[in-house]
Amino acid sequence: FDEIRAGIASLQANGGRNPFDMRFDRILSATEALLEGRPCLLFGTNNY
């Protein structure tokens, strides 16, 4: 998994977020959530 770890480290070093460390404040619907107080769309759910 070293290559994956390096990719995540590079992402973070360039201002990106670790996708494994994101926590939603609240799920609003089948396709929407709050992330750090901002609404966002959920594209990866199994709630098709």
ModelCIF file with pLDDT and N, C-alpha, C, O atoms, coordinates in Angstrom:
data_MODEL
#
_entry.id   MODEL 
#
_entity.id                         1 
_entity.type                       polymer 
_entity.pdbx_number_of_molecules   1 
#
_entity_poly.entity_id                      1 
_entity_poly.type                           'polypeptide(L)' 
_entity_poly.nstd_linkage                   no 
_entity_poly.nstd_monomer                   no 
_entity_poly.pdbx_seq_one_letter_code       FDEIRAGIASLQANGGRNPFDMRFDRILSATEALLEGRPCLLFGTNNY 
_entity_poly.pdbx_seq_one_letter_code_can   FDEIRAGIASLQANGGRNPFDMRFDRILSATEALLEGRPCLLFGTNNY 
_entity_poly.pdbx_strand_id                 A 
#
loop_
_entity_poly_seq.entity_id 
_entity_poly_seq.num 
_entity_poly_seq.mon_id 
_entity_poly_seq.hetero 
1 1  PHE n 
1 2  ASP n 
1 3  GLU n 
1 4  ILE n 
1 5  ARG n 
1 6  ALA n 
1 7  GLY n 
1 8  ILE n 
1 9  ALA n 
1 10 SER n 
1 11 LEU n 
1 12 GLN n 
1 13 ALA n 
1 14 ASN n 
1 15 GLY n 
1 16 GLY n 
1 17 ARG n 
1 18 ASN n 
1 19 PRO n 
1 20 PHE n 
1 21 ASP n 
1 22 MET n 
1 23 ARG n 
1 24 PHE n 
1 25 ASP n 
1 26 ARG n 
1 27 ILE n 
1 28 LEU n 
1 29 SER n 
1 30 ALA n 
1 31 THR n 
1 32 GLU n 
1 33 ALA n 
1 34 LEU n 
1 35 LEU n 
1 36 GLU n 
1 37 GLY n 
1 38 ARG n 
1 39 PRO n 
1 40 CYS n 
1 41 LEU n 
1 42 LEU n 
1 43 PHE n 
1 44 GLY n 
1 45 THR n 
1 46 ASN n 
1 47 ASN n 
1 48 TYR n 
#
_struct_asym.id          A 
_struct_asym.entity_id   1 
#
loop_
_ma_qa_metric.id 
_ma_qa_metric.mode 
_ma_qa_metric.name 
_ma_qa_metric.software_group_id 
_ma_qa_metric.type 
1 global pLDDT . pLDDT 
2 local  pLDDT . pLDDT 
#
_ma_qa_metric_global.metric_id      1 
_ma_qa_metric_global.metric_value   90.33 
_ma_qa_metric_global.model_id       1 
_ma_qa_metric_global.ordinal_id     1 
#
loop_
_ma_qa_metric_local.label_asym_id 
_ma_qa_metric_local.label_comp_id 
_ma_qa_metric_local.label_seq_id 
_ma_qa_metric_local.metric_id 
_ma_qa_metric_local.metric_value 
_ma_qa_metric_local.model_id 
_ma_qa_metric_local.ordinal_id 
A PHE 1  2 93.00 1 1  
A ASP 2  2 94.00 1 2  
A GLU 3  2 94.00 1 3  
A ILE 4  2 92.00 1 4  
A ARG 5  2 91.00 1 5  
A ALA 6  2 94.00 1 6  
A GLY 7  2 93.00 1 7  
A ILE 8  2 92.00 1 8  
A ALA 9  2 93.00 1 9  
A SER 10 2 94.00 1 10 
A LEU 11 2 92.00 1 11 
A GLN 12 2 92.00 1 12 
A ALA 13 2 94.00 1 13 
A ASN 14 2 94.00 1 14 
A GLY 15 2 91.00 1 15 
A GLY 16 2 90.00 1 16 
A ARG 17 2 87.00 1 17 
A ASN 18 2 86.00 1 18 
A PRO 19 2 83.00 1 19 
A PHE 20 2 85.00 1 20 
A ASP 21 2 85.00 1 21 
A MET 22 2 86.00 1 22 
A ARG 23 2 91.00 1 23 
A PHE 24 2 93.00 1 24 
A ASP 25 2 96.00 1 25 
A ARG 26 2 95.00 1 26 
A ILE 27 2 91.00 1 27 
A LEU 28 2 91.00 1 28 
A SER 29 2 88.00 1 29 
A ALA 30 2 85.00 1 30 
A THR 31 2 88.00 1 31 
A GLU 32 2 92.00 1 32 
A ALA 33 2 94.00 1 33 
A LEU 34 2 96.00 1 34 
A LEU 35 2 93.00 1 35 
A GLU 36 2 92.00 1 36 
A GLY 37 2 95.00 1 37 
A ARG 38 2 95.00 1 38 
A PRO 39 2 96.00 1 39 
A CYS 40 2 94.00 1 40 
A LEU 41 2 94.00 1 41 
A LEU 42 2 90.00 1 42 
A PHE 43 2 88.00 1 43 
A GLY 44 2 84.00 1 44 
A THR 45 2 82.00 1 45 
A ASN 46 2 80.00 1 46 
A ASN 47 2 82.00 1 47 
A TYR 48 2 76.00 1 48 
#
loop_
_atom_site.group_PDB 
_atom_site.id 
_atom_site.type_symbol 
_atom_site.label_atom_id 
_atom_site.label_alt_id 
_atom_site.label_comp_id 
_atom_site.label_asym_id 
_atom_site.label_entity_id 
_atom_site.label_seq_id 
_atom_site.pdbx_PDB_ins_code 
_atom_site.Cartn_x 
_atom_site.Cartn_y 
_atom_site.Cartn_z 
_atom_site.occupancy 
_atom_site.B_iso_or_equiv 
_atom_site.pdbx_formal_charge 
_atom_site.auth_seq_id 
_atom_site.auth_comp_id 
_atom_site.auth_asym_id 
_atom_site.auth_atom_id 
_atom_site.pdbx_PDB_model_num 
ATOM 1   N N  . PHE A 1 1  ? 0.808   -1.218 0.000  1.00 93.00 ? 1  PHE A N  1 
ATOM 2   C CA . PHE A 1 1  ? 0.000   0.000  0.000  1.00 93.00 ? 1  PHE A CA 1 
ATOM 3   C C  . PHE A 1 1  ? 0.842   1.270  0.000  1.00 93.00 ? 1  PHE A C  1 
ATOM 4   O O  . PHE A 1 1  ? 0.294   2.370  0.076  1.00 93.00 ? 1  PHE A O  1 
ATOM 5   N N  . ASP A 1 2  ? 2.145   1.141  -0.083 1.00 94.00 ? 2  ASP A N  1 
ATOM 6   C CA . ASP A 1 2  ? 3.037   2.310  -0.054 1.00 94.00 ? 2  ASP A CA 1 
ATOM 7   C C  . ASP A 1 2  ? 2.714   3.308  -1.159 1.00 94.00 ? 2  ASP A C  1 
ATOM 8   O O  . ASP A 1 2  ? 2.763   4.517  -0.929 1.00 94.00 ? 2  ASP A O  1 
ATOM 9   N N  . GLU A 1 3  ? 2.387   2.825  -2.347 1.00 94.00 ? 3  GLU A N  1 
ATOM 10  C CA . GLU A 1 3  ? 2.081   3.710  -3.470 1.00 94.00 ? 3  GLU A CA 1 
ATOM 11  C C  . GLU A 1 3  ? 0.797   4.506  -3.193 1.00 94.00 ? 3  GLU A C  1 
ATOM 12  O O  . GLU A 1 3  ? 0.708   5.690  -3.520 1.00 94.00 ? 3  GLU A O  1 
ATOM 13  N N  . ILE A 1 4  ? -0.177  3.852  -2.597 1.00 92.00 ? 4  ILE A N  1 
ATOM 14  C CA . ILE A 1 4  ? -1.434  4.544  -2.245 1.00 92.00 ? 4  ILE A CA 1 
ATOM 15  C C  . ILE A 1 4  ? -1.158  5.598  -1.178 1.00 92.00 ? 4  ILE A C  1 
ATOM 16  O O  . ILE A 1 4  ? -1.635  6.729  -1.276 1.00 92.00 ? 4  ILE A O  1 
ATOM 17  N N  . ARG A 1 5  ? -0.386  5.222  -0.156 1.00 91.00 ? 5  ARG A N  1 
ATOM 18  C CA . ARG A 1 5  ? -0.033  6.189  0.903  1.00 91.00 ? 5  ARG A CA 1 
ATOM 19  C C  . ARG A 1 5  ? 0.695   7.393  0.319  1.00 91.00 ? 5  ARG A C  1 
ATOM 20  O O  . ARG A 1 5  ? 0.426   8.532  0.703  1.00 91.00 ? 5  ARG A O  1 
ATOM 21  N N  . ALA A 1 6  ? 1.610   7.145  -0.601 1.00 94.00 ? 6  ALA A N  1 
ATOM 22  C CA . ALA A 1 6  ? 2.362   8.240  -1.226 1.00 94.00 ? 6  ALA A CA 1 
ATOM 23  C C  . ALA A 1 6  ? 1.420   9.141  -2.018 1.00 94.00 ? 6  ALA A C  1 
ATOM 24  O O  . ALA A 1 6  ? 1.572   10.362 -1.990 1.00 94.00 ? 6  ALA A O  1 
ATOM 25  N N  . GLY A 1 7  ? 0.467   8.571  -2.711 1.00 93.00 ? 7  GLY A N  1 
ATOM 26  C CA . GLY A 1 7  ? -0.503  9.362  -3.471 1.00 93.00 ? 7  GLY A CA 1 
ATOM 27  C C  . GLY A 1 7  ? -1.343  10.246 -2.563 1.00 93.00 ? 7  GLY A C  1 
ATOM 28  O O  . GLY A 1 7  ? -1.591  11.408 -2.885 1.00 93.00 ? 7  GLY A O  1 
ATOM 29  N N  . ILE A 1 8  ? -1.784  9.707  -1.429 1.00 92.00 ? 8  ILE A N  1 
ATOM 30  C CA . ILE A 1 8  ? -2.574  10.499 -0.468 1.00 92.00 ? 8  ILE A CA 1 
ATOM 31  C C  . ILE A 1 8  ? -1.713  11.609 0.126  1.00 92.00 ? 8  ILE A C  1 
ATOM 32  O O  . ILE A 1 8  ? -2.176  12.738 0.284  1.00 92.00 ? 8  ILE A O  1 
ATOM 33  N N  . ALA A 1 9  ? -0.469  11.293 0.454  1.00 93.00 ? 9  ALA A N  1 
ATOM 34  C CA . ALA A 1 9  ? 0.443   12.308 0.997  1.00 93.00 ? 9  ALA A CA 1 
ATOM 35  C C  . ALA A 1 9  ? 0.669   13.425 -0.017 1.00 93.00 ? 9  ALA A C  1 
ATOM 36  O O  . ALA A 1 9  ? 0.697   14.600 0.350  1.00 93.00 ? 9  ALA A O  1 
ATOM 37  N N  . SER A 1 10 ? 0.830   13.070 -1.272 1.00 94.00 ? 10 SER A N  1 
ATOM 38  C CA . SER A 1 10 ? 1.018   14.073 -2.327 1.00 94.00 ? 10 SER A CA 1 
ATOM 39  C C  . SER A 1 10 ? -0.234  14.939 -2.484 1.00 94.00 ? 10 SER A C  1 
ATOM 40  O O  . SER A 1 10 ? -0.146  16.156 -2.646 1.00 94.00 ? 10 SER A O  1 
ATOM 41  N N  . LEU A 1 11 ? -1.372  14.304 -2.435 1.00 92.00 ? 11 LEU A N  1 
ATOM 42  C CA . LEU A 1 11 ? -2.642  15.031 -2.521 1.00 92.00 ? 11 LEU A CA 1 
ATOM 43  C C  . LEU A 1 11 ? -2.733  16.065 -1.398 1.00 92.00 ? 11 LEU A C  1 
ATOM 44  O O  . LEU A 1 11 ? -3.085  17.220 -1.637 1.00 92.00 ? 11 LEU A O  1 
ATOM 45  N N  . GLN A 1 12 ? -2.416  15.645 -0.180 1.00 92.00 ? 12 GLN A N  1 
ATOM 46  C CA . GLN A 1 12 ? -2.493  16.556 0.966  1.00 92.00 ? 12 GLN A CA 1 
ATOM 47  C C  . GLN A 1 12 ? -1.436  17.648 0.886  1.00 92.00 ? 12 GLN A C  1 
ATOM 48  O O  . GLN A 1 12 ? -1.703  18.795 1.246  1.00 92.00 ? 12 GLN A O  1 
ATOM 49  N N  . ALA A 1 13 ? -0.248  17.307 0.420  1.00 94.00 ? 13 ALA A N  1 
ATOM 50  C CA . ALA A 1 13 ? 0.829   18.298 0.305  1.00 94.00 ? 13 ALA A CA 1 
ATOM 51  C C  . ALA A 1 13 ? 0.474   19.397 -0.689 1.00 94.00 ? 13 ALA A C  1 
ATOM 52  O O  . ALA A 1 13 ? 0.991   20.511 -0.603 1.00 94.00 ? 13 ALA A O  1 
ATOM 53  N N  . ASN A 1 14 ? -0.400  19.085 -1.622 1.00 94.00 ? 14 ASN A N  1 
ATOM 54  C CA . ASN A 1 14 ? -0.815  20.061 -2.636 1.00 94.00 ? 14 ASN A CA 1 
ATOM 55  C C  . ASN A 1 14 ? -2.173  20.679 -2.332 1.00 94.00 ? 14 ASN A C  1 
ATOM 56  O O  . ASN A 1 14 ? -2.846  21.192 -3.226 1.00 94.00 ? 14 ASN A O  1 
ATOM 57  N N  . GLY A 1 15 ? -2.568  20.625 -1.067 1.00 91.00 ? 15 GLY A N  1 
ATOM 58  C CA . GLY A 1 15 ? -3.800  21.290 -0.650 1.00 91.00 ? 15 GLY A CA 1 
ATOM 59  C C  . GLY A 1 15 ? -5.061  20.454 -0.752 1.00 91.00 ? 15 GLY A C  1 
ATOM 60  O O  . GLY A 1 15 ? -6.149  20.949 -0.459 1.00 91.00 ? 15 GLY A O  1 
ATOM 61  N N  . GLY A 1 16 ? -4.942  19.205 -1.158 1.00 90.00 ? 16 GLY A N  1 
ATOM 62  C CA . GLY A 1 16 ? -6.112  18.334 -1.264 1.00 90.00 ? 16 GLY A CA 1 
ATOM 63  C C  . GLY A 1 16 ? -6.466  17.692 0.067  1.00 90.00 ? 16 GLY A C  1 
ATOM 64  O O  . GLY A 1 16 ? -5.730  17.816 1.045  1.00 90.00 ? 16 GLY A O  1 
ATOM 65  N N  . ARG A 1 17 ? -7.580  17.017 0.091  1.00 87.00 ? 17 ARG A N  1 
ATOM 66  C CA . ARG A 1 17 ? -8.058  16.356 1.310  1.00 87.00 ? 17 ARG A CA 1 
ATOM 67  C C  . ARG A 1 17 ? -7.847  14.853 1.211  1.00 87.00 ? 17 ARG A C  1 
ATOM 68  O O  . ARG A 1 17 ? -7.937  14.272 0.130  1.00 87.00 ? 17 ARG A O  1 
ATOM 69  N N  . ASN A 1 18 ? -7.570  14.242 2.334  1.00 86.00 ? 18 ASN A N  1 
ATOM 70  C CA . ASN A 1 18 ? -7.493  12.790 2.412  1.00 86.00 ? 18 ASN A CA 1 
ATOM 71  C C  . ASN A 1 18 ? -8.914  12.250 2.287  1.00 86.00 ? 18 ASN A C  1 
ATOM 72  O O  . ASN A 1 18 ? -9.733  12.497 3.172  1.00 86.00 ? 18 ASN A O  1 
ATOM 73  N N  . PRO A 1 19 ? -9.233  11.520 1.216  1.00 83.00 ? 19 PRO A N  1 
ATOM 74  C CA . PRO A 1 19 ? -10.608 11.056 1.026  1.00 83.00 ? 19 PRO A CA 1 
ATOM 75  C C  . PRO A 1 19 ? -11.061 10.061 2.095  1.00 83.00 ? 19 PRO A C  1 
ATOM 76  O O  . PRO A 1 19 ? -12.261 9.850  2.273  1.00 83.00 ? 19 PRO A O  1 
ATOM 77  N N  . PHE A 1 20 ? -10.118 9.452  2.802  1.00 85.00 ? 20 PHE A N  1 
ATOM 78  C CA . PHE A 1 20 ? -10.467 8.489  3.849  1.00 85.00 ? 20 PHE A CA 1 
ATOM 79  C C  . PHE A 1 20 ? -10.689 9.156  5.202  1.00 85.00 ? 20 PHE A C  1 
ATOM 80  O O  . PHE A 1 20 ? -11.004 8.484  6.184  1.00 85.00 ? 20 PHE A O  1 
ATOM 81  N N  . ASP A 1 21 ? -10.526 10.471 5.255  1.00 85.00 ? 21 ASP A N  1 
ATOM 82  C CA . ASP A 1 21 ? -10.644 11.183 6.525  1.00 85.00 ? 21 ASP A CA 1 
ATOM 83  C C  . ASP A 1 21 ? -11.745 12.242 6.471  1.00 85.00 ? 21 ASP A C  1 
ATOM 84  O O  . ASP A 1 21 ? -11.738 13.183 7.264  1.00 85.00 ? 21 ASP A O  1 
ATOM 85  N N  . MET A 1 22 ? -12.682 12.095 5.548  1.00 86.00 ? 22 MET A N  1 
ATOM 86  C CA . MET A 1 22 ? -13.769 13.067 5.446  1.00 86.00 ? 22 MET A CA 1 
ATOM 87  C C  . MET A 1 22 ? -14.951 12.580 6.279  1.00 86.00 ? 22 MET A C  1 
ATOM 88  O O  . MET A 1 22 ? -15.317 11.406 6.226  1.00 86.00 ? 22 MET A O  1 
ATOM 89  N N  . ARG A 1 23 ? -15.537 13.483 7.039  1.00 91.00 ? 23 ARG A N  1 
ATOM 90  C CA . ARG A 1 23 ? -16.679 13.149 7.891  1.00 91.00 ? 23 ARG A CA 1 
ATOM 91  C C  . ARG A 1 23 ? -17.820 14.114 7.591  1.00 91.00 ? 23 ARG A C  1 
ATOM 92  O O  . ARG A 1 23 ? -17.675 15.329 7.728  1.00 91.00 ? 23 ARG A O  1 
ATOM 93  N N  . PHE A 1 24 ? -18.948 13.560 7.181  1.00 93.00 ? 24 PHE A N  1 
ATOM 94  C CA . PHE A 1 24 ? -20.113 14.390 6.908  1.00 93.00 ? 24 PHE A CA 1 
ATOM 95  C C  . PHE A 1 24 ? -20.756 14.830 8.211  1.00 93.00 ? 24 PHE A C  1 
ATOM 96  O O  . PHE A 1 24 ? -20.839 14.054 9.163  1.00 93.00 ? 24 PHE A O  1 
ATOM 97  N N  . ASP A 1 25 ? -21.208 16.063 8.252  1.00 96.00 ? 25 ASP A N  1 
ATOM 98  C CA . ASP A 1 25 ? -21.934 16.565 9.419  1.00 96.00 ? 25 ASP A CA 1 
ATOM 99  C C  . ASP A 1 25 ? -23.292 15.881 9.514  1.00 96.00 ? 25 ASP A C  1 
ATOM 100 O O  . ASP A 1 25 ? -23.757 15.511 10.592 1.00 96.00 ? 25 ASP A O  1 
ATOM 101 N N  . ARG A 1 26 ? -23.914 15.726 8.340  1.00 95.00 ? 26 ARG A N  1 
ATOM 102 C CA . ARG A 1 26 ? -25.275 15.188 8.310  1.00 95.00 ? 26 ARG A CA 1 
ATOM 103 C C  . ARG A 1 26 ? -25.612 14.758 6.888  1.00 95.00 ? 26 ARG A C  1 
ATOM 104 O O  . ARG A 1 26 ? -25.214 15.406 5.920  1.00 95.00 ? 26 ARG A O  1 
ATOM 105 N N  . ILE A 1 27 ? -26.342 13.669 6.773  1.00 91.00 ? 27 ILE A N  1 
ATOM 106 C CA . ILE A 1 27 ? -26.872 13.244 5.475  1.00 91.00 ? 27 ILE A CA 1 
ATOM 107 C C  . ILE A 1 27 ? -28.264 13.847 5.353  1.00 91.00 ? 27 ILE A C  1 
ATOM 108 O O  . ILE A 1 27 ? -29.110 13.643 6.223  1.00 91.00 ? 27 ILE A O  1 
ATOM 109 N N  . LEU A 1 28 ? -28.502 14.582 4.287  1.00 91.00 ? 28 LEU A N  1 
ATOM 110 C CA . LEU A 1 28 ? -29.764 15.303 4.121  1.00 91.00 ? 28 LEU A CA 1 
ATOM 111 C C  . LEU A 1 28 ? -30.788 14.541 3.285  1.00 91.00 ? 28 LEU A C  1 
ATOM 112 O O  . LEU A 1 28 ? -31.990 14.636 3.531  1.00 91.00 ? 28 LEU A O  1 
ATOM 113 N N  . SER A 1 29 ? -30.313 13.794 2.308  1.00 88.00 ? 29 SER A N  1 
ATOM 114 C CA . SER A 1 29 ? -31.210 13.062 1.418  1.00 88.00 ? 29 SER A CA 1 
ATOM 115 C C  . SER A 1 29 ? -30.411 11.945 0.769  1.00 88.00 ? 29 SER A C  1 
ATOM 116 O O  . SER A 1 29 ? -29.260 11.694 1.128  1.00 88.00 ? 29 SER A O  1 
ATOM 117 N N  . ALA A 1 30 ? -31.030 11.288 -0.181 1.00 85.00 ? 30 ALA A N  1 
ATOM 118 C CA . ALA A 1 30 ? -30.351 10.210 -0.897 1.00 85.00 ? 30 ALA A CA 1 
ATOM 119 C C  . ALA A 1 30 ? -29.129 10.705 -1.669 1.00 85.00 ? 30 ALA A C  1 
ATOM 120 O O  . ALA A 1 30 ? -28.228 9.923  -1.971 1.00 85.00 ? 30 ALA A O  1 
ATOM 121 N N  . THR A 1 31 ? -29.095 11.998 -1.988 1.00 88.00 ? 31 THR A N  1 
ATOM 122 C CA . THR A 1 31 ? -28.016 12.519 -2.833 1.00 88.00 ? 31 THR A CA 1 
ATOM 123 C C  . THR A 1 31 ? -27.323 13.758 -2.281 1.00 88.00 ? 31 THR A C  1 
ATOM 124 O O  . THR A 1 31 ? -26.462 14.328 -2.952 1.00 88.00 ? 31 THR A O  1 
ATOM 125 N N  . GLU A 1 32 ? -27.681 14.187 -1.072 1.00 92.00 ? 32 GLU A N  1 
ATOM 126 C CA . GLU A 1 32 ? -27.096 15.420 -0.522 1.00 92.00 ? 32 GLU A CA 1 
ATOM 127 C C  . GLU A 1 32 ? -26.653 15.226 0.927  1.00 92.00 ? 32 GLU A C  1 
ATOM 128 O O  . GLU A 1 32 ? -27.233 14.439 1.676  1.00 92.00 ? 32 GLU A O  1 
ATOM 129 N N  . ALA A 1 33 ? -25.614 15.963 1.295  1.00 94.00 ? 33 ALA A N  1 
ATOM 130 C CA . ALA A 1 33 ? -25.101 15.927 2.664  1.00 94.00 ? 33 ALA A CA 1 
ATOM 131 C C  . ALA A 1 33 ? -24.526 17.292 3.021  1.00 94.00 ? 33 ALA A C  1 
ATOM 132 O O  . ALA A 1 33 ? -24.355 18.159 2.164  1.00 94.00 ? 33 ALA A O  1 
ATOM 133 N N  . LEU A 1 34 ? -24.232 17.459 4.305  1.00 96.00 ? 34 LEU A N  1 
ATOM 134 C CA . LEU A 1 34 ? -23.509 18.643 4.769  1.00 96.00 ? 34 LEU A CA 1 
ATOM 135 C C  . LEU A 1 34 ? -22.095 18.217 5.115  1.00 96.00 ? 34 LEU A C  1 
ATOM 136 O O  . LEU A 1 34 ? -21.888 17.244 5.840  1.00 96.00 ? 34 LEU A O  1 
ATOM 137 N N  . LEU A 1 35 ? -21.130 18.946 4.597  1.00 93.00 ? 35 LEU A N  1 
ATOM 138 C CA . LEU A 1 35 ? -19.727 18.704 4.883  1.00 93.00 ? 35 LEU A CA 1 
ATOM 139 C C  . LEU A 1 35 ? -19.131 20.013 5.351  1.00 93.00 ? 35 LEU A C  1 
ATOM 140 O O  . LEU A 1 35 ? -19.021 20.967 4.581  1.00 93.00 ? 35 LEU A O  1 
ATOM 141 N N  . GLU A 1 36 ? -18.745 20.056 6.623  1.00 92.00 ? 36 GLU A N  1 
ATOM 142 C CA . GLU A 1 36 ? -18.217 21.267 7.234  1.00 92.00 ? 36 GLU A CA 1 
ATOM 143 C C  . GLU A 1 36 ? -19.177 22.441 7.044  1.00 92.00 ? 36 GLU A C  1 
ATOM 144 O O  . GLU A 1 36 ? -18.766 23.563 6.747  1.00 92.00 ? 36 GLU A O  1 
ATOM 145 N N  . GLY A 1 37 ? -20.467 22.149 7.223  1.00 95.00 ? 37 GLY A N  1 
ATOM 146 C CA . GLY A 1 37 ? -21.487 23.185 7.146  1.00 95.00 ? 37 GLY A CA 1 
ATOM 147 C C  . GLY A 1 37 ? -21.929 23.562 5.750  1.00 95.00 ? 37 GLY A C  1 
ATOM 148 O O  . GLY A 1 37 ? -22.826 24.389 5.588  1.00 95.00 ? 37 GLY A O  1 
ATOM 149 N N  . ARG A 1 38 ? -21.314 22.970 4.736  1.00 95.00 ? 38 ARG A N  1 
ATOM 150 C CA . ARG A 1 38 ? -21.669 23.300 3.352  1.00 95.00 ? 38 ARG A CA 1 
ATOM 151 C C  . ARG A 1 38 ? -22.396 22.127 2.697  1.00 95.00 ? 38 ARG A C  1 
ATOM 152 O O  . ARG A 1 38 ? -22.007 20.973 2.879  1.00 95.00 ? 38 ARG A O  1 
ATOM 153 N N  . PRO A 1 39 ? -23.446 22.419 1.937  1.00 96.00 ? 39 PRO A N  1 
ATOM 154 C CA . PRO A 1 39 ? -24.129 21.331 1.231  1.00 96.00 ? 39 PRO A CA 1 
ATOM 155 C C  . PRO A 1 39 ? -23.256 20.775 0.112  1.00 96.00 ? 39 PRO A C  1 
ATOM 156 O O  . PRO A 1 39 ? -22.528 21.518 -0.547 1.00 96.00 ? 39 PRO A O  1 
ATOM 157 N N  . CYS A 1 40 ? -23.333 19.480 -0.094 1.00 94.00 ? 40 CYS A N  1 
ATOM 158 C CA . CYS A 1 40 ? -22.597 18.861 -1.192 1.00 94.00 ? 40 CYS A CA 1 
ATOM 159 C C  . CYS A 1 40 ? -23.406 17.697 -1.737 1.00 94.00 ? 40 CYS A C  1 
ATOM 160 O O  . CYS A 1 40 ? -24.302 17.181 -1.069 1.00 94.00 ? 40 CYS A O  1 
ATOM 161 N N  . LEU A 1 41 ? -23.084 17.295 -2.946 1.00 94.00 ? 41 LEU A N  1 
ATOM 162 C CA . LEU A 1 41 ? -23.759 16.176 -3.591 1.00 94.00 ? 41 LEU A CA 1 
ATOM 163 C C  . LEU A 1 41 ? -23.010 14.884 -3.312 1.00 94.00 ? 41 LEU A C  1 
ATOM 164 O O  . LEU A 1 41 ? -21.782 14.875 -3.227 1.00 94.00 ? 41 LEU A O  1 
ATOM 165 N N  . LEU A 1 42 ? -23.750 13.797 -3.171 1.00 90.00 ? 42 LEU A N  1 
ATOM 166 C CA . LEU A 1 42 ? -23.174 12.474 -2.956 1.00 90.00 ? 42 LEU A CA 1 
ATOM 167 C C  . LEU A 1 42 ? -23.268 11.688 -4.265 1.00 90.00 ? 42 LEU A C  1 
ATOM 168 O O  . LEU A 1 42 ? -24.364 11.365 -4.723 1.00 90.00 ? 42 LEU A O  1 
ATOM 169 N N  . PHE A 1 43 ? -22.136 11.388 -4.851 1.00 88.00 ? 43 PHE A N  1 
ATOM 170 C CA . PHE A 1 43 ? -22.129 10.664 -6.114 1.00 88.00 ? 43 PHE A CA 1 
ATOM 171 C C  . PHE A 1 43 ? -21.735 9.202  -5.959 1.00 88.00 ? 43 PHE A C  1 
ATOM 172 O O  . PHE A 1 43 ? -21.844 8.434  -6.915 1.00 88.00 ? 43 PHE A O  1 
ATOM 173 N N  . GLY A 1 44 ? -21.283 8.803  -4.783 1.00 84.00 ? 44 GLY A N  1 
ATOM 174 C CA . GLY A 1 44 ? -20.784 7.439  -4.618 1.00 84.00 ? 44 GLY A CA 1 
ATOM 175 C C  . GLY A 1 44 ? -21.631 6.552  -3.739 1.00 84.00 ? 44 GLY A C  1 
ATOM 176 O O  . GLY A 1 44 ? -21.154 5.517  -3.273 1.00 84.00 ? 44 GLY A O  1 
ATOM 177 N N  . THR A 1 45 ? -22.870 6.924  -3.498 1.00 82.00 ? 45 THR A N  1 
ATOM 178 C CA . THR A 1 45 ? -23.698 6.107  -2.613 1.00 82.00 ? 45 THR A CA 1 
ATOM 179 C C  . THR A 1 45 ? -24.254 4.893  -3.346 1.00 82.00 ? 45 THR A C  1 
ATOM 180 O O  . THR A 1 45 ? -24.295 4.855  -4.576 1.00 82.00 ? 45 THR A O  1 
ATOM 181 N N  . ASN A 1 46 ? -24.673 3.921  -2.582 1.00 80.00 ? 46 ASN A N  1 
ATOM 182 C CA . ASN A 1 46 ? -25.381 2.760  -3.132 1.00 80.00 ? 46 ASN A CA 1 
ATOM 183 C C  . ASN A 1 46 ? -26.881 2.984  -3.083 1.00 80.00 ? 46 ASN A C  1 
ATOM 184 O O  . ASN A 1 46 ? -27.658 2.051  -3.286 1.00 80.00 ? 46 ASN A O  1 
ATOM 185 N N  . ASN A 1 47 ? -27.286 4.198  -2.819 1.00 82.00 ? 47 ASN A N  1 
ATOM 186 C CA . ASN A 1 47 ? -28.698 4.533  -2.669 1.00 82.00 ? 47 ASN A CA 1 
ATOM 187 C C  . ASN A 1 47 ? -29.295 4.949  -4.013 1.00 82.00 ? 47 ASN A C  1 
ATOM 188 O O  . ASN A 1 47 ? -29.978 5.968  -4.115 1.00 82.00 ? 47 ASN A O  1 
ATOM 189 N N  . TYR A 1 48 ? -29.026 4.148  -5.035 1.00 76.00 ? 48 TYR A N  1 
ATOM 190 C CA . TYR A 1 48 ? -29.426 4.522  -6.387 1.00 76.00 ? 48 TYR A CA 1 
ATOM 191 C C  . TYR A 1 48 ? -30.928 4.515  -6.598 1.00 76.00 ? 48 TYR A C  1 
ATOM 192 O O  . TYR A 1 48 ? -31.398 4.813  -7.696 1.00 76.00 ? 48 TYR A O  1 
#
